[in-house]
PDB file of N, CA and C in Angstrom:
ATOM      1  N   MET A   1       6.431  -8.588  16.480  1.00  0.00           N
ATOM      2  CA  MET A   1       5.381  -9.773  15.810  1.00  0.00           C
ATOM      3  C   MET A   1       5.178  -8.872  14.451  1.00  0.00           C
ATOM      4  N   LYS A   2       4.958  -9.664  13.338  1.00  0.00           N
ATOM      5  CA  LYS A   2       4.219  -9.046  12.384  1.00  0.00           C
ATOM      6  C   LYS A   2       3.413  -9.822  10.721  1.00  0.00           C
ATOM      7  N   GLN A   3       2.721  -8.329  10.529  1.00  0.00           N
ATOM      8  CA  GLN A   3       1.350  -9.044  10.161  1.00  0.00           C
ATOM      9  C   GLN A   3       1.393  -8.949   8.552  1.00  0.00           C
ATOM     10  N   ALA A   4       0.589  -8.876   8.026  1.00  0.00           N
ATOM     11  CA  ALA A   4       0.548  -8.970   6.067  1.00  0.00           C
ATOM     12  C   ALA A   4      -0.852  -8.700   5.811  1.00  0.00           C
ATOM     13  N   TYR A   5      -1.092  -7.274   4.943  1.00  0.00           N
ATOM     14  CA  TYR A   5      -1.965  -7.471   3.853  1.00  0.00           C
ATOM     15  C   TYR A   5      -2.302  -6.856   3.060  1.00  0.00           C
ATOM     16  N   ARG A   6      -3.041  -7.614   1.878  1.00  0.00           N
ATOM     17  CA  ARG A   6      -3.377  -6.748   0.621  1.00  0.00           C
ATOM     18  C   ARG A   6      -4.357  -6.632   0.763  1.00  0.00           C
ATOM     19  N   VAL A   7      -3.760  -5.122  -0.214  1.00  0.00           N
ATOM     20  CA  VAL A   7      -5.064  -3.666   0.193  1.00  0.00           C
ATOM     21  C   VAL A   7      -5.700  -3.358  -1.246  1.00  0.00           C
ATOM     22  N   THR A   8      -7.064  -3.404  -1.949  1.00  0.00           N
ATOM     23  CA  THR A   8      -7.334  -2.984  -2.357  1.00  0.00           C
ATOM     24  C   THR A   8      -7.992  -1.151  -2.539  1.00  0.00           C
ATOM     25  N   VAL A   9      -7.128  -0.128  -3.228  1.00  0.00           N
ATOM     26  CA  VAL A   9      -8.021   1.272  -3.334  1.00  0.00           C
ATOM     27  C   VAL A   9      -8.453   1.291  -4.419  1.00  0.00           C
ATOM     28  N   LYS A  10      -9.679   1.569  -4.618  1.00  0.00           N
ATOM     29  CA  LYS A  10     -10.606   2.335  -5.366  1.00  0.00           C
ATOM     30  C   LYS A  10     -10.516   4.157  -5.777  1.00  0.00           C
ATOM     31  N   GLY A  11     -10.817   4.722  -6.598  1.00  0.00           N
ATOM     32  CA  GLY A  11     -11.126   6.161  -6.492  1.00  0.00           C
ATOM     33  C   GLY A  11      -9.926   7.154  -7.847  1.00  0.00           C
ATOM     34  N   ARG A  12      -9.972   7.994  -7.178  1.00  0.00           N
ATOM     35  CA  ARG A  12      -9.189   8.718  -8.354  1.00  0.00           C
ATOM     36  C   ARG A  12      -7.795   8.103  -7.937  1.00  0.00           C
ATOM     37  N   VAL A  13      -7.035   6.854  -8.094  1.00  0.00           N
ATOM     38  CA  VAL A  13      -5.841   6.534  -7.818  1.00  0.00           C
ATOM     39  C   VAL A  13      -4.809   6.369  -8.701  1.00  0.00           C
ATOM     40  N   THR A  14      -5.448   7.068 -10.115  1.00  0.00           N
ATOM     41  CA  THR A  14      -4.164   6.644 -10.938  1.00  0.00           C
ATOM     42  C   THR A  14      -3.916   7.433 -11.768  1.00  0.00           C
ATOM     43  N   GLY A  15      -2.827   7.795 -12.511  1.00  0.00           N
ATOM     44  CA  GLY A  15      -2.401   9.118 -12.630  1.00  0.00           C
ATOM     45  C   GLY A  15      -2.540  10.482 -12.280  1.00  0.00           C
ATOM     46  N   VAL A  16      -2.277  10.231 -10.739  1.00  0.00           N
ATOM     47  CA  VAL A  16      -2.011  11.023  -9.888  1.00  0.00           C
ATOM     48  C   VAL A  16      -1.461  10.531  -8.820  1.00  0.00           C
ATOM     49  N   CYS A  17      -0.146  10.032  -9.097  1.00  0.00           N
ATOM     50  CA  CYS A  17       0.938   9.947  -8.663  1.00  0.00           C
ATOM     51  C   CYS A  17       1.072   8.894  -7.006  1.00  0.00           C
ATOM     52  N   PHE A  18      -0.294   8.445  -6.874  1.00  0.00           N
ATOM     53  CA  PHE A  18      -0.594   7.166  -5.549  1.00  0.00           C
ATOM     54  C   PHE A  18       0.257   6.481  -5.693  1.00  0.00           C
ATOM     55  N   ARG A  19       1.137   5.285  -6.689  1.00  0.00           N
ATOM     56  CA  ARG A  19       2.036   4.615  -6.689  1.00  0.00           C
ATOM     57  C   ARG A  19       3.785   5.248  -6.029  1.00  0.00           C
ATOM     58  N   TYR A  20       3.880   6.309  -6.378  1.00  0.00           N
ATOM     59  CA  TYR A  20       5.149   6.596  -5.944  1.00  0.00           C
ATOM     60  C   TYR A  20       4.792   7.632  -4.562  1.00  0.00           C
ATOM     61  N   PHE A  21       3.657   8.234  -4.167  1.00  0.00           N
ATOM     62  CA  PHE A  21       3.461   8.837  -3.033  1.00  0.00           C
ATOM     63  C   PHE A  21       3.717   7.590  -1.724  1.00  0.00           C
ATOM     64  N   THR A  22       2.682   6.188  -2.450  1.00  0.00           N
ATOM     65  CA  THR A  22       2.724   4.847  -1.542  1.00  0.00           C
ATOM     66  C   THR A  22       4.098   4.039  -1.233  1.00  0.00           C
ATOM     67  N   GLU A  23       5.171   5.002  -2.175  1.00  0.00           N
ATOM     68  CA  GLU A  23       6.391   3.768  -2.291  1.00  0.00           C
ATOM     69  C   GLU A  23       7.036   4.829  -0.908  1.00  0.00           C
ATOM     70  N   ASP A  24       6.842   5.945  -1.316  1.00  0.00           N
ATOM     71  CA  ASP A  24       8.096   6.947  -0.485  1.00  0.00           C
ATOM     72  C   ASP A  24       7.224   7.222   0.909  1.00  0.00           C
ATOM     73  N   TYR A  25       5.936   7.186   1.601  1.00  0.00           N
ATOM     74  CA  TYR A  25       5.592   6.763   2.507  1.00  0.00           C
ATOM     75  C   TYR A  25       6.136   5.580   3.095  1.00  0.00           C
ATOM     76  N   ALA A  26       6.182   4.363   2.261  1.00  0.00           N
ATOM     77  CA  ALA A  26       6.873   3.016   2.492  1.00  0.00           C
ATOM     78  C   ALA A  26       7.524   3.595   3.803  1.00  0.00           C
ATOM     79  N   HIS A  27       8.746   3.714   2.404  1.00  0.00           N
ATOM     80  CA  HIS A  27      10.198   3.757   3.077  1.00  0.00           C
ATOM     81  C   HIS A  27      10.386   4.471   4.086  1.00  0.00           C
ATOM     82  N   SER A  28       8.870   5.326   4.812  1.00  0.00           N
ATOM     83  CA  SER A  28       9.505   6.712   5.364  1.00  0.00           C
ATOM     84  C   SER A  28       9.243   5.936   7.288  1.00  0.00           C
ATOM     85  N   LEU A  29       8.427   4.157   6.863  1.00  0.00           N
ATOM     86  CA  LEU A  29       8.170   3.756   8.542  1.00  0.00           C
ATOM     87  C   LEU A  29       9.136   2.645   8.183  1.00  0.00           C
ATOM     88  N   LEU A  30       9.590   1.849   9.311  1.00  0.00           N
ATOM     89  CA  LEU A  30      10.258   0.930   9.899  1.00  0.00           C
ATOM     90  C   LEU A  30       9.987  -0.526   9.303  1.00  0.00           C
ATOM     91  N   GLY A  31      10.936  -0.965   8.817  1.00  0.00           N
ATOM     92  CA  GLY A  31      10.431  -2.282   8.160  1.00  0.00           C
ATOM     93  C   GLY A  31       9.803  -2.717   7.383  1.00  0.00           C
ATOM     94  N   VAL A  32       8.812  -1.732   6.464  1.00  0.00           N
ATOM     95  CA  VAL A  32       7.964  -2.444   5.731  1.00  0.00           C
ATOM     96  C   VAL A  32       8.295  -2.508   4.747  1.00  0.00           C
ATOM     97  N   THR A  33       8.050  -3.648   4.214  1.00  0.00           N
ATOM     98  CA  THR A  33       8.368  -4.335   2.748  1.00  0.00           C
ATOM     99  C   THR A  33       6.885  -4.498   1.737  1.00  0.00           C
ATOM    100  N   GLY A  34       6.994  -4.562   0.570  1.00  0.00           N
ATOM    101  CA  GLY A  34       5.965  -4.887  -0.580  1.00  0.00           C
ATOM    102  C   GLY A  34       5.869  -4.603  -1.680  1.00  0.00           C
ATOM    103  N   TYR A  35       4.735  -3.912  -1.680  1.00  0.00           N
ATOM    104  CA  TYR A  35       4.657  -2.943  -3.386  1.00  0.00           C
ATOM    105  C   TYR A  35       3.579  -2.748  -3.608  1.00  0.00           C
ATOM    106  N   VAL A  36       3.562  -1.623  -4.446  1.00  0.00           N
ATOM    107  CA  VAL A  36       1.921  -1.456  -4.985  1.00  0.00           C
ATOM    108  C   VAL A  36       1.788  -1.357  -6.593  1.00  0.00           C
ATOM    109  N   ARG A  37       1.326  -1.589  -6.650  1.00  0.00           N
ATOM    110  CA  ARG A  37       0.494  -1.223  -8.443  1.00  0.00           C
ATOM    111  C   ARG A  37      -0.605  -0.921  -8.586  1.00  0.00           C
ATOM    112  N   ASN A  38      -0.361  -0.390  -9.967  1.00  0.00           N
ATOM    113  CA  ASN A  38      -1.772  -0.555 -10.483  1.00  0.00           C
ATOM    114  C   ASN A  38      -2.940  -1.435 -11.101  1.00  0.00           C
ATOM    115  N   SER A  39      -3.845  -2.209 -10.595  1.00  0.00           N
ATOM    116  CA  SER A  39      -4.282  -3.256 -11.770  1.00  0.00           C
ATOM    117  C   SER A  39      -5.424  -3.225 -11.623  1.00  0.00           C
ATOM    118  N   GLY A  40      -6.035  -2.194 -12.670  1.00  0.00           N
ATOM    119  CA  GLY A  40      -7.381  -1.910 -13.154  1.00  0.00           C
ATOM    120  C   GLY A  40      -7.377  -0.198 -13.316  1.00  0.00           C
ATOM    121  N   TYR A  41      -8.611  -0.604 -14.224  1.00  0.00           N
ATOM    122  CA  TYR A  41      -8.849   1.139 -14.476  1.00  0.00           C
ATOM    123  C   TYR A  41      -9.200   1.687 -12.935  1.00  0.00           C
ATOM    124  N   GLY A  42      -8.651   2.474 -12.516  1.00  0.00           N
ATOM    125  CA  GLY A  42      -9.320   3.493 -11.350  1.00  0.00           C
ATOM    126  C   GLY A  42      -8.224   2.374  -9.872  1.00  0.00           C
ATOM    127  N   GLU A  43      -7.751   1.612 -10.141  1.00  0.00           N
ATOM    128  CA  GLU A  43      -7.481   0.291  -8.768  1.00  0.00           C
ATOM    129  C   GLU A  43      -5.713   0.757  -8.708  1.00  0.00           C
ATOM    130  N   VAL A  44      -5.620   0.407  -6.952  1.00  0.00           N
ATOM    131  CA  VAL A  44      -4.431   0.508  -6.919  1.00  0.00           C
ATOM    132  C   VAL A  44      -4.484  -0.893  -5.879  1.00  0.00           C
ATOM    133  N   GLU A  45      -3.494  -2.298  -6.306  1.00  0.00           N
ATOM    134  CA  GLU A  45      -3.300  -3.053  -5.458  1.00  0.00           C
ATOM    135  C   GLU A  45      -2.059  -2.761  -4.635  1.00  0.00           C
ATOM    136  N   VAL A  46      -1.937  -3.200  -3.404  1.00  0.00           N
ATOM    137  CA  VAL A  46      -0.750  -2.841  -2.232  1.00  0.00           C
ATOM    138  C   VAL A  46      -0.810  -3.806  -1.464  1.00  0.00           C
ATOM    139  N   PHE A  47       0.589  -4.605  -1.775  1.00  0.00           N
ATOM    140  CA  PHE A  47       0.872  -5.992  -0.521  1.00  0.00           C
ATOM    141  C   PHE A  47       1.908  -4.840   0.471  1.00  0.00           C
ATOM    142  N   VAL A  48       0.929  -5.297   1.540  1.00  0.00           N
ATOM    143  CA  VAL A  48       2.064  -4.439   2.409  1.00  0.00           C
ATOM    144  C   VAL A  48       2.614  -5.664   4.220  1.00  0.00           C
ATOM    145  N   GLN A  49       3.689  -5.427   4.289  1.00  0.00           N
ATOM    146  CA  GLN A  49       4.020  -6.184   5.308  1.00  0.00           C
ATOM    147  C   GLN A  49       4.994  -5.928   6.547  1.00  0.00           C
ATOM    148  N   GLY A  50       4.876  -6.264   7.679  1.00  0.00           N
ATOM    149  CA  GLY A  50       6.083  -6.158   8.527  1.00  0.00           C
ATOM    150  C   GLY A  50       5.303  -5.815   9.942  1.00  0.00           C
ATOM    151  N   SER A  51       5.732  -4.593  10.981  1.00  0.00           N
ATOM    152  CA  SER A  51       5.864  -4.708  12.491  1.00  0.00           C
ATOM    153  C   SER A  51       4.252  -4.626  12.350  1.00  0.00           C
ATOM    154  N   VAL A  52       3.334  -4.452  13.604  1.00  0.00           N
ATOM    155  CA  VAL A  52       1.578  -3.996  13.806  1.00  0.00           C
ATOM    156  C   VAL A  52       2.208  -2.611  13.413  1.00  0.00           C
ATOM    157  N   GLU A  53       2.520  -1.977  14.199  1.00  0.00           N
ATOM    158  CA  GLU A  53       2.143  -0.653  14.359  1.00  0.00           C
ATOM    159  C   GLU A  53       2.741  -0.015  12.583  1.00  0.00           C
ATOM    160  N   SER A  54       3.637  -0.391  12.124  1.00  0.00           N
ATOM    161  CA  SER A  54       4.022   0.073  11.116  1.00  0.00           C
ATOM    162  C   SER A  54       3.244  -0.567  10.111  1.00  0.00           C
ATOM    163  N   VAL A  55       2.645  -1.458   9.599  1.00  0.00           N
ATOM    164  CA  VAL A  55       1.366  -1.948   9.255  1.00  0.00           C
ATOM    165  C   VAL A  55       0.411  -1.163   8.807  1.00  0.00           C
ATOM    166  N   ASN A  56      -0.556  -0.456  10.593  1.00  0.00           N
ATOM    167  CA  ASN A  56      -1.636  -0.147  10.743  1.00  0.00           C
ATOM    168  C   ASN A  56      -0.753   0.976  10.790  1.00  0.00           C
ATOM    169  N   GLU A  57      -0.160   2.384  10.515  1.00  0.00           N
ATOM    170  CA  GLU A  57      -0.091   2.677   9.996  1.00  0.00           C
ATOM    171  C   GLU A  57       0.019   3.345   8.126  1.00  0.00           C
ATOM    172  N   MET A  58       0.256   2.951   7.811  1.00  0.00           N
ATOM    173  CA  MET A  58       0.486   2.333   6.232  1.00  0.00           C
ATOM    174  C   MET A  58      -1.145   1.833   5.839  1.00  0.00           C
ATOM    175  N   LEU A  59      -1.849   1.365   6.493  1.00  0.00           N
ATOM    176  CA  LEU A  59      -3.271   0.966   5.871  1.00  0.00           C
ATOM    177  C   LEU A  59      -3.868   2.201   6.334  1.00  0.00           C
ATOM    178  N   ALA A  60      -3.646   2.747   7.352  1.00  0.00           N
ATOM    179  CA  ALA A  60      -4.331   4.541   7.679  1.00  0.00           C
ATOM    180  C   ALA A  60      -4.320   5.304   6.746  1.00  0.00           C
ATOM    181  N   TRP A  61      -2.616   5.192   6.420  1.00  0.00           N
ATOM    182  CA  TRP A  61      -2.383   6.126   4.945  1.00  0.00           C
ATOM    183  C   TRP A  61      -2.986   5.642   3.799  1.00  0.00           C
ATOM    184  N   LEU A  62      -3.163   4.450   3.354  1.00  0.00           N
ATOM    185  CA  LEU A  62      -3.964   4.209   1.765  1.00  0.00           C
ATOM    186  C   LEU A  62      -5.317   4.483   2.065  1.00  0.00           C
ATOM    187  N   ARG A  63      -6.105   4.929   3.472  1.00  0.00           N
ATOM    188  CA  ARG A  63      -7.403   4.724   3.307  1.00  0.00           C
ATOM    189  C   ARG A  63      -7.769   6.263   2.389  1.00  0.00           C
ATOM    190  N   HIS A  64      -6.481   7.381   2.802  1.00  0.00           N
ATOM    191  CA  HIS A  64      -7.189   8.579   2.303  1.00  0.00           C
ATOM    192  C   HIS A  64      -5.859   8.960   1.312  1.00  0.00           C
ATOM    193  N   GLY A  65      -5.143   7.774   0.955  1.00  0.00           N
ATOM    194  CA  GLY A  65      -3.581   8.531  -0.191  1.00  0.00           C
ATOM    195  C   GLY A  65      -2.801   9.982   0.233  1.00  0.00           C
ATOM    196  N   PRO A  66      -2.749  10.334  -1.257  1.00  0.00           N
ATOM    197  CA  PRO A  66      -1.447  11.696  -1.031  1.00  0.00           C
ATOM    198  C   PRO A  66      -2.713  12.846  -1.155  1.00  0.00           C
ATOM    199  N   PRO A  67      -2.415  14.022  -0.865  1.00  0.00           N
ATOM    200  CA  PRO A  67      -3.304  14.918  -1.188  1.00  0.00           C
ATOM    201  C   PRO A  67      -4.166  14.949  -2.663  1.00  0.00           C
ATOM    202  N   SER A  68      -3.005  14.346  -3.752  1.00  0.00           N
ATOM    203  CA  SER A  68      -3.565  14.519  -5.001  1.00  0.00           C
ATOM    204  C   SER A  68      -4.867  13.583  -5.283  1.00  0.00           C
ATOM    205  N   ALA A  69      -4.760  12.376  -4.645  1.00  0.00           N
ATOM    206  CA  ALA A  69      -5.992  11.656  -4.458  1.00  0.00           C
ATOM    207  C   ALA A  69      -7.002  11.512  -3.979  1.00  0.00           C
ATOM    208  N   SER A  70      -8.494  10.737  -4.582  1.00  0.00           N
ATOM    209  CA  SER A  70      -9.759  10.770  -4.085  1.00  0.00           C
ATOM    210  C   SER A  70     -10.210   9.058  -4.118  1.00  0.00           C
ATOM    211  N   VAL A  71      -9.718   8.813  -2.353  1.00  0.00           N
ATOM    212  CA  VAL A  71     -10.299   7.298  -2.415  1.00  0.00           C
ATOM    213  C   VAL A  71     -11.558   7.198  -1.826  1.00  0.00           C
ATOM    214  N   ASP A  72     -12.376   6.399  -3.107  1.00  0.00           N
ATOM    215  CA  ASP A  72     -13.942   6.006  -2.651  1.00  0.00           C
ATOM    216  C   ASP A  72     -14.143   5.196  -2.259  1.00  0.00           C
ATOM    217  N   SER A  73     -13.248   3.851  -2.340  1.00  0.00           N
ATOM    218  CA  SER A  73     -13.642   2.539  -1.200  1.00  0.00           C
ATOM    219  C   SER A  73     -11.982   2.303  -1.346  1.00  0.00           C
ATOM    220  N   TYR A  74     -11.955   1.476   0.039  1.00  0.00           N
ATOM    221  CA  TYR A  74     -11.091   0.360   0.638  1.00  0.00           C
ATOM    222  C   TYR A  74     -11.494  -1.187   0.860  1.00  0.00           C
ATOM    223  N   TYR A  75     -10.540  -1.695   0.496  1.00  0.00           N
ATOM    224  CA  TYR A  75     -10.665  -2.920   1.013  1.00  0.00           C
ATOM    225  C   TYR A  75      -8.889  -3.593   1.304  1.00  0.00           C
ATOM    226  N   SER A  76      -9.436  -4.705   2.469  1.00  0.00           N
ATOM    227  CA  SER A  76      -8.142  -4.963   3.006  1.00  0.00           C
ATOM    228  C   SER A  76      -8.297  -6.113   3.971  1.00  0.00           C
ATOM    229  N   GLU A  77      -7.187  -7.012   3.250  1.00  0.00           N
ATOM    230  CA  GLU A  77      -7.402  -8.754   3.641  1.00  0.00           C
ATOM    231  C   GLU A  77      -6.491  -9.469   4.678  1.00  0.00           C
ATOM    232  N   LYS A  78      -6.500  -9.628   5.749  1.00  0.00           N
ATOM    233  CA  LYS A  78      -5.036  -9.896   6.343  1.00  0.00           C
ATOM    234  C   LYS A  78      -4.731 -11.426   5.434  1.00  0.00           C
ATOM    235  N   VAL A  79      -2.552 -11.656   5.152  1.00  0.00           N
ATOM    236  CA  VAL A  79      -2.914 -12.805   4.739  1.00  0.00           C
ATOM    237  C   VAL A  79      -1.220 -13.125   4.674  1.00  0.00           C
ATOM    238  N   GLU A  80      -1.397 -14.656   4.040  1.00  0.00           N
ATOM    239  CA  GLU A  80       0.521 -14.857   4.835  1.00  0.00           C
ATOM    240  C   GLU A  80       1.244 -13.723   4.563  1.00  0.00           C
ATOM    241  N   GLU A  81       2.444 -13.818   5.137  1.00  0.00           N
ATOM    242  CA  GLU A  81       3.671 -12.972   4.901  1.00  0.00           C
ATOM    243  C   GLU A  81       4.617 -13.527   3.577  1.00  0.00           C
ATOM    244  N   ASP A  82       5.243 -12.989   2.856  1.00  0.00           N
ATOM    245  CA  ASP A  82       6.196 -13.179   1.724  1.00  0.00           C
ATOM    246  C   ASP A  82       7.444 -12.814   2.197  1.00  0.00           C
ATOM    247  N   SER A  83       8.255 -14.161   1.951  1.00  0.00           N
ATOM    248  CA  SER A  83       9.661 -13.701   3.023  1.00  0.00           C
ATOM    249  C   SER A  83      10.472 -13.451   1.665  1.00  0.00           C
ATOM    250  N   ALA A  84      10.375 -13.696   0.454  1.00  0.00           N
ATOM    251  CA  ALA A  84      10.756 -12.639  -0.819  1.00  0.00           C
ATOM    252  C   ALA A  84      11.205 -11.571  -1.129  1.00  0.00           C
ATOM    253  N   LEU A  85      10.397 -10.851  -0.440  1.00  0.00           N
ATOM    254  CA  LEU A  85      10.378  -9.223  -0.140  1.00  0.00           C
ATOM    255  C   LEU A  85      11.191  -8.697   0.443  1.00  0.00           C
ATOM    256  N   HIS A  86      12.219  -7.960   0.211  1.00  0.00           N
ATOM    257  CA  HIS A  86      13.479  -7.111   1.204  1.00  0.00           C
ATOM    258  C   HIS A  86      12.655  -5.423   1.052  1.00  0.00           C
ATOM    259  N   THR A  87      12.135  -5.320   0.521  1.00  0.00           N
ATOM    260  CA  THR A  87      11.780  -3.113   0.255  1.00  0.00           C
ATOM    261  C   THR A  87      10.435  -3.510  -0.283  1.00  0.00           C
ATOM    262  N   PHE A  88      10.122  -2.294  -0.187  1.00  0.00           N
ATOM    263  CA  PHE A  88       8.856  -1.360  -0.797  1.00  0.00           C
ATOM    264  C   PHE A  88       9.222  -1.358  -2.111  1.00  0.00           C
ATOM    265  N   THR A  89       8.835  -1.514  -2.606  1.00  0.00           N
ATOM    266  CA  THR A  89       8.713  -1.196  -4.346  1.00  0.00           C
ATOM    267  C   THR A  89       7.067  -1.009  -5.288  1.00  0.00           C
ATOM    268  N   ILE A  90       7.380   0.035  -6.503  1.00  0.00           N
ATOM    269  CA  ILE A  90       6.622  -0.167  -7.599  1.00  0.00           C
ATOM    270  C   ILE A  90       6.517  -1.391  -8.279  1.00  0.00           C
ATOM    271  N   LYS A  91       5.391  -2.149  -8.340  1.00  0.00           N
ATOM    272  CA  LYS A  91       5.728  -3.088 -10.007  1.00  0.00           C
ATOM    273  C   LYS A  91       4.829  -2.089 -10.966  1.00  0.00           C
ATOM    274  N   TYR A  92       5.376  -2.859 -12.249  1.00  0.00           N
ATOM    275  CA  TYR A  92       4.761  -2.359 -13.219  1.00  0.00           C
ATOM    276  C   TYR A  92       4.462  -3.501 -13.813  1.00  0.00           C
TER     277      TYR A  92
END
């Protein structure tokens, strides 16, 4: 069973390598695909899909992010999967 989520993370999440750490963490999880990108001042958007277990691990990690970040708010919504995505990347 697979699932997909779009997540918005706000706080000190830009300028602290949040996207790079997110990509690295996603690659450590089995079968996770999607992307991470800055979507505005102090905000990062993440689209993540994969197995329920892997996606839930990723969602839990995004609630706090890497040590250099400070997550003030976190919003996630379940969305439709995107079959065109085959890896997890940083979008610019």
